[in-house]
Amino acid sequence: MDKKRVSFLSIFVFLAINVISLSKVIEGFYGKEYGHVYSFMIVALISTGLATIAFFTWRKQEYKS
């Protein structure tokens, strides 16, 4: 697989991880399990950063002349 396809698919994987992590953050917050809130928030922030990097990598490959 080429770099463009890997970047495109990884965007969706990282966004799915982000959605799941943020739902766990909300459940932990309302359940007053604050240890879970911090750990899943860190995972969500890391997955957001990785999705952003994957987006810029995909964009670079997509519009490469």
PDB file of N, CA and C in Angstrom:
ATOM      1  N   MET A   1       0.849  -1.188   0.000  1.00  0.00           N
ATOM      2  CA  MET A   1       0.000   0.000   0.000  1.00  0.00           C
ATOM      3  C   MET A   1       0.885   1.239   0.000  1.00  0.00           C
ATOM      4  N   ASP A   2       0.392   2.246  -0.668  1.00  0.00           N
ATOM      5  CA  ASP A   2       1.165   3.474  -0.732  1.00  0.00           C
ATOM      6  C   ASP A   2       0.927   4.344   0.498  1.00  0.00           C
ATOM      7  N   LYS A   3       1.756   5.357   0.620  1.00  0.00           N
ATOM      8  CA  LYS A   3       1.736   6.213   1.807  1.00  0.00           C
ATOM      9  C   LYS A   3       0.431   6.992   1.916  1.00  0.00           C
ATOM     10  N   LYS A   4      -0.151   7.359   0.780  1.00  0.00           N
ATOM     11  CA  LYS A   4      -1.400   8.116   0.783  1.00  0.00           C
ATOM     12  C   LYS A   4      -2.545   7.290   1.356  1.00  0.00           C
ATOM     13  N   ARG A   5      -2.634   6.039   0.967  1.00  0.00           N
ATOM     14  CA  ARG A   5      -3.718   5.169   1.433  1.00  0.00           C
ATOM     15  C   ARG A   5      -3.575   4.856   2.919  1.00  0.00           C
ATOM     16  N   VAL A   6      -2.338   4.618   3.357  1.00  0.00           N
ATOM     17  CA  VAL A   6      -2.093   4.339   4.777  1.00  0.00           C
ATOM     18  C   VAL A   6      -2.471   5.554   5.618  1.00  0.00           C
ATOM     19  N   SER A   7      -2.097   6.743   5.153  1.00  0.00           N
ATOM     20  CA  SER A   7      -2.441   7.967   5.887  1.00  0.00           C
ATOM     21  C   SER A   7      -3.947   8.164   5.944  1.00  0.00           C
ATOM     22  N   PHE A   8      -4.623   7.916   4.841  1.00  0.00           N
ATOM     23  CA  PHE A   8      -6.071   8.098   4.774  1.00  0.00           C
ATOM     24  C   PHE A   8      -6.782   7.147   5.733  1.00  0.00           C
ATOM     25  N   LEU A   9      -6.372   5.895   5.752  1.00  0.00           N
ATOM     26  CA  LEU A   9      -7.004   4.919   6.644  1.00  0.00           C
ATOM     27  C   LEU A   9      -6.663   5.187   8.112  1.00  0.00           C
ATOM     28  N   SER A  10      -5.453   5.660   8.363  1.00  0.00           N
ATOM     29  CA  SER A  10      -5.076   5.926   9.749  1.00  0.00           C
ATOM     30  C   SER A  10      -5.848   7.108  10.322  1.00  0.00           C
ATOM     31  N   ILE A  11      -6.259   8.042   9.486  1.00  0.00           N
ATOM     32  CA  ILE A  11      -7.104   9.149   9.963  1.00  0.00           C
ATOM     33  C   ILE A  11      -8.380   8.597  10.580  1.00  0.00           C
ATOM     34  N   PHE A  12      -9.025   7.675   9.908  1.00  0.00           N
ATOM     35  CA  PHE A  12     -10.265   7.099  10.417  1.00  0.00           C
ATOM     36  C   PHE A  12     -10.037   6.258  11.670  1.00  0.00           C
ATOM     37  N   VAL A  13      -8.926   5.540  11.711  1.00  0.00           N
ATOM     38  CA  VAL A  13      -8.623   4.736  12.900  1.00  0.00           C
ATOM     39  C   VAL A  13      -8.401   5.637  14.106  1.00  0.00           C
ATOM     40  N   PHE A  14      -7.610   6.696  13.931  1.00  0.00           N
ATOM     41  CA  PHE A  14      -7.339   7.602  15.045  1.00  0.00           C
ATOM     42  C   PHE A  14      -8.591   8.355  15.479  1.00  0.00           C
ATOM     43  N   LEU A  15      -9.452   8.714  14.543  1.00  0.00           N
ATOM     44  CA  LEU A  15     -10.699   9.375  14.916  1.00  0.00           C
ATOM     45  C   LEU A  15     -11.645   8.427  15.649  1.00  0.00           C
ATOM     46  N   ALA A  16     -11.654   7.164  15.271  1.00  0.00           N
ATOM     47  CA  ALA A  16     -12.480   6.185  15.984  1.00  0.00           C
ATOM     48  C   ALA A  16     -11.969   6.002  17.418  1.00  0.00           C
ATOM     49  N   ILE A  17     -10.646   5.937  17.576  1.00  0.00           N
ATOM     50  CA  ILE A  17     -10.066   5.845  18.921  1.00  0.00           C
ATOM     51  C   ILE A  17     -10.440   7.080  19.725  1.00  0.00           C
ATOM     52  N   ASN A  18     -10.425   8.239  19.073  1.00  0.00           N
ATOM     53  CA  ASN A  18     -10.765   9.493  19.737  1.00  0.00           C
ATOM     54  C   ASN A  18     -12.209   9.493  20.224  1.00  0.00           C
ATOM     55  N   VAL A  19     -13.125   9.051  19.398  1.00  0.00           N
ATOM     56  CA  VAL A  19     -14.544   9.035  19.774  1.00  0.00           C
ATOM     57  C   VAL A  19     -14.776   8.078  20.942  1.00  0.00           C
ATOM     58  N   ILE A  20     -14.171   6.914  20.887  1.00  0.00           N
ATOM     59  CA  ILE A  20     -14.330   5.938  21.972  1.00  0.00           C
ATOM     60  C   ILE A  20     -13.728   6.476  23.267  1.00  0.00           C
ATOM     61  N   SER A  21     -12.551   7.083  23.168  1.00  0.00           N
ATOM     62  CA  SER A  21     -11.904   7.626  24.369  1.00  0.00           C
ATOM     63  C   SER A  21     -12.719   8.750  24.980  1.00  0.00           C
ATOM     64  N   LEU A  22     -13.253   9.628  24.144  1.00  0.00           N
ATOM     65  CA  LEU A  22     -14.040  10.730  24.684  1.00  0.00           C
ATOM     66  C   LEU A  22     -15.354  10.255  25.300  1.00  0.00           C
ATOM     67  N   SER A  23     -15.929   9.179  24.762  1.00  0.00           N
ATOM     68  CA  SER A  23     -17.130   8.642  25.400  1.00  0.00           C
ATOM     69  C   SER A  23     -16.793   8.038  26.766  1.00  0.00           C
ATOM     70  N   LYS A  24     -15.627   7.421  26.876  1.00  0.00           N
ATOM     71  CA  LYS A  24     -15.181   6.897  28.172  1.00  0.00           C
ATOM     72  C   LYS A  24     -14.887   8.031  29.153  1.00  0.00           C
ATOM     73  N   VAL A  25     -14.391   9.162  28.640  1.00  0.00           N
ATOM     74  CA  VAL A  25     -14.156  10.331  29.499  1.00  0.00           C
ATOM     75  C   VAL A  25     -15.472  10.830  30.083  1.00  0.00           C
ATOM     76  N   ILE A  26     -16.484  10.913  29.246  1.00  0.00           N
ATOM     77  CA  ILE A  26     -17.792  11.395  29.711  1.00  0.00           C
ATOM     78  C   ILE A  26     -18.382  10.418  30.723  1.00  0.00           C
ATOM     79  N   GLU A  27     -18.309   9.114  30.439  1.00  0.00           N
ATOM     80  CA  GLU A  27     -18.813   8.122  31.387  1.00  0.00           C
ATOM     81  C   GLU A  27     -18.060   8.181  32.711  1.00  0.00           C
ATOM     82  N   GLY A  28     -16.749   8.351  32.643  1.00  0.00           N
ATOM     83  CA  GLY A  28     -15.953   8.436  33.865  1.00  0.00           C
ATOM     84  C   GLY A  28     -16.240   9.690  34.657  1.00  0.00           C
ATOM     85  N   PHE A  29     -16.489  10.792  33.969  1.00  0.00           N
ATOM     86  CA  PHE A  29     -16.783  12.047  34.654  1.00  0.00           C
ATOM     87  C   PHE A  29     -18.111  11.975  35.384  1.00  0.00           C
ATOM     88  N   TYR A  30     -19.130  11.453  34.703  1.00  0.00           N
ATOM     89  CA  TYR A  30     -20.440  11.358  35.358  1.00  0.00           C
ATOM     90  C   TYR A  30     -20.472  10.274  36.426  1.00  0.00           C
ATOM     91  N   GLY A  31     -19.609   9.269  36.293  1.00  0.00           N
ATOM     92  CA  GLY A  31     -19.521   8.225  37.306  1.00  0.00           C
ATOM     93  C   GLY A  31     -18.553   8.560  38.417  1.00  0.00           C
ATOM     94  N   LYS A  32     -17.959   9.759  38.336  1.00  0.00           N
ATOM     95  CA  LYS A  32     -16.997  10.250  39.330  1.00  0.00           C
ATOM     96  C   LYS A  32     -15.805   9.312  39.491  1.00  0.00           C
ATOM     97  N   GLU A  33     -15.384   8.698  38.393  1.00  0.00           N
ATOM     98  CA  GLU A  33     -14.171   7.881  38.367  1.00  0.00           C
ATOM     99  C   GLU A  33     -13.095   8.716  37.680  1.00  0.00           C
ATOM    100  N   TYR A  34     -12.502   9.625  38.423  1.00  0.00           N
ATOM    101  CA  TYR A  34     -11.633  10.616  37.819  1.00  0.00           C
ATOM    102  C   TYR A  34     -10.310  10.044  37.323  1.00  0.00           C
ATOM    103  N   GLY A  35      -9.914   8.898  37.801  1.00  0.00           N
ATOM    104  CA  GLY A  35      -8.716   8.246  37.275  1.00  0.00           C
ATOM    105  C   GLY A  35      -8.890   7.852  35.823  1.00  0.00           C
ATOM    106  N   HIS A  36     -10.089   7.391  35.484  1.00  0.00           N
ATOM    107  CA  HIS A  36     -10.389   7.028  34.101  1.00  0.00           C
ATOM    108  C   HIS A  36     -10.464   8.269  33.220  1.00  0.00           C
ATOM    109  N   VAL A  37     -10.931   9.362  33.769  1.00  0.00           N
ATOM    110  CA  VAL A  37     -11.073  10.583  32.983  1.00  0.00           C
ATOM    111  C   VAL A  37      -9.715  11.029  32.463  1.00  0.00           C
ATOM    112  N   TYR A  38      -8.727  11.069  33.339  1.00  0.00           N
ATOM    113  CA  TYR A  38      -7.417  11.560  32.932  1.00  0.00           C
ATOM    114  C   TYR A  38      -6.728  10.611  31.957  1.00  0.00           C
ATOM    115  N   SER A  39      -6.828   9.323  32.197  1.00  0.00           N
ATOM    116  CA  SER A  39      -6.145   8.384  31.310  1.00  0.00           C
ATOM    117  C   SER A  39      -6.768   8.374  29.918  1.00  0.00           C
ATOM    118  N   PHE A  40      -8.097   8.369  29.836  1.00  0.00           N
ATOM    119  CA  PHE A  40      -8.733   8.373  28.516  1.00  0.00           C
ATOM    120  C   PHE A  40      -8.612   9.730  27.827  1.00  0.00           C
ATOM    121  N   MET A  41      -8.506  10.812  28.590  1.00  0.00           N
ATOM    122  CA  MET A  41      -8.302  12.122  27.981  1.00  0.00           C
ATOM    123  C   MET A  41      -6.916  12.203  27.340  1.00  0.00           C
ATOM    124  N   ILE A  42      -5.926  11.610  27.985  1.00  0.00           N
ATOM    125  CA  ILE A  42      -4.586  11.576  27.398  1.00  0.00           C
ATOM    126  C   ILE A  42      -4.587  10.774  26.104  1.00  0.00           C
ATOM    127  N   VAL A  43      -5.279   9.635  26.104  1.00  0.00           N
ATOM    128  CA  VAL A  43      -5.384   8.822  24.891  1.00  0.00           C
ATOM    129  C   VAL A  43      -6.086   9.609  23.784  1.00  0.00           C
ATOM    130  N   ALA A  44      -7.143  10.349  24.124  1.00  0.00           N
ATOM    131  CA  ALA A  44      -7.870  11.138  23.132  1.00  0.00           C
ATOM    132  C   ALA A  44      -6.996  12.246  22.560  1.00  0.00           C
ATOM    133  N   LEU A  45      -6.214  12.898  23.400  1.00  0.00           N
ATOM    134  CA  LEU A  45      -5.334  13.962  22.914  1.00  0.00           C
ATOM    135  C   LEU A  45      -4.234  13.417  22.011  1.00  0.00           C
ATOM    136  N   ILE A  46      -3.678  12.276  22.372  1.00  0.00           N
ATOM    137  CA  ILE A  46      -2.643  11.663  21.532  1.00  0.00           C
ATOM    138  C   ILE A  46      -3.228  11.240  20.191  1.00  0.00           C
ATOM    139  N   SER A  47      -4.421  10.650  20.196  1.00  0.00           N
ATOM    140  CA  SER A  47      -5.028  10.220  18.937  1.00  0.00           C
ATOM    141  C   SER A  47      -5.408  11.416  18.065  1.00  0.00           C
ATOM    142  N   THR A  48      -5.776  12.535  18.687  1.00  0.00           N
ATOM    143  CA  THR A  48      -6.050  13.740  17.917  1.00  0.00           C
ATOM    144  C   THR A  48      -4.784  14.254  17.247  1.00  0.00           C
ATOM    145  N   GLY A  49      -3.688  14.258  17.988  1.00  0.00           N
ATOM    146  CA  GLY A  49      -2.418  14.682  17.405  1.00  0.00           C
ATOM    147  C   GLY A  49      -1.980  13.783  16.259  1.00  0.00           C
ATOM    148  N   LEU A  50      -2.126  12.471  16.445  1.00  0.00           N
ATOM    149  CA  LEU A  50      -1.740  11.531  15.392  1.00  0.00           C
ATOM    150  C   LEU A  50      -2.647  11.650  14.170  1.00  0.00           C
ATOM    151  N   ALA A  51      -3.934  11.907  14.378  1.00  0.00           N
ATOM    152  CA  ALA A  51      -4.845  12.103  13.243  1.00  0.00           C
ATOM    153  C   ALA A  51      -4.483  13.372  12.488  1.00  0.00           C
ATOM    154  N   THR A  52      -4.057  14.403  13.201  1.00  0.00           N
ATOM    155  CA  THR A  52      -3.648  15.644  12.545  1.00  0.00           C
ATOM    156  C   THR A  52      -2.389  15.422  11.717  1.00  0.00           C
ATOM    157  N   ILE A  53      -1.425  14.712  12.274  1.00  0.00           N
ATOM    158  CA  ILE A  53      -0.207  14.403  11.525  1.00  0.00           C
ATOM    159  C   ILE A  53      -0.532  13.559  10.300  1.00  0.00           C
ATOM    160  N   ALA A  54      -1.411  12.582  10.451  1.00  0.00           N
ATOM    161  CA  ALA A  54      -1.808  11.730   9.321  1.00  0.00           C
ATOM    162  C   ALA A  54      -2.528  12.555   8.255  1.00  0.00           C
ATOM    163  N   PHE A  55      -3.330  13.530   8.672  1.00  0.00           N
ATOM    164  CA  PHE A  55      -4.026  14.382   7.706  1.00  0.00           C
ATOM    165  C   PHE A  55      -3.035  15.187   6.878  1.00  0.00           C
ATOM    166  N   PHE A  56      -2.058  15.790   7.533  1.00  0.00           N
ATOM    167  CA  PHE A  56      -1.090  16.588   6.788  1.00  0.00           C
ATOM    168  C   PHE A  56      -0.216  15.719   5.892  1.00  0.00           C
ATOM    169  N   THR A  57       0.086  14.502   6.335  1.00  0.00           N
ATOM    170  CA  THR A  57       0.822  13.571   5.486  1.00  0.00           C
ATOM    171  C   THR A  57      -0.008  13.182   4.273  1.00  0.00           C
ATOM    172  N   TRP A  58      -1.287  12.894   4.477  1.00  0.00           N
ATOM    173  CA  TRP A  58      -2.179  12.553   3.368  1.00  0.00           C
ATOM    174  C   TRP A  58      -2.316  13.716   2.401  1.00  0.00           C
ATOM    175  N   ARG A  59      -2.488  14.924   2.951  1.00  0.00           N
ATOM    176  CA  ARG A  59      -2.647  16.102   2.099  1.00  0.00           C
ATOM    177  C   ARG A  59      -1.396  16.354   1.266  1.00  0.00           C
ATOM    178  N   LYS A  60      -0.241  16.144   1.860  1.00  0.00           N
ATOM    179  CA  LYS A  60       1.011  16.323   1.131  1.00  0.00           C
ATOM    180  C   LYS A  60       1.107  15.328  -0.018  1.00  0.00           C
ATOM    181  N   GLN A  61       0.708  14.089   0.231  1.00  0.00           N
ATOM    182  CA  GLN A  61       0.758  13.064  -0.815  1.00  0.00           C
ATOM    183  C   GLN A  61      -0.330  13.275  -1.879  1.00  0.00           C
ATOM    184  N   GLU A  62      -1.485  13.760  -1.462  1.00  0.00           N
ATOM    185  CA  GLU A  62      -2.608  13.950  -2.376  1.00  0.00           C
ATOM    186  C   GLU A  62      -2.327  15.063  -3.379  1.00  0.00           C
ATOM    187  N   TYR A  63      -1.758  16.159  -2.917  1.00  0.00           N
ATOM    188  CA  TYR A  63      -1.563  17.318  -3.770  1.00  0.00           C
ATOM    189  C   TYR A  63      -0.124  17.483  -4.210  1.00  0.00           C
ATOM    190  N   LYS A  64       0.612  16.392  -4.190  1.00  0.00           N
ATOM    191  CA  LYS A  64       2.004  16.397  -4.629  1.00  0.00           C
ATOM    192  C   LYS A  64       2.043  16.507  -6.151  1.00  0.00           C
ATOM    193  N   SER A  65       2.860  17.398  -6.615  1.00  0.00           N
ATOM    194  CA  SER A  65       2.946  17.618  -8.081  1.00  0.00           C
ATOM    195  C   SER A  65       4.041  16.794  -8.694  1.00  0.00           C
TER     196      SER A  65
END
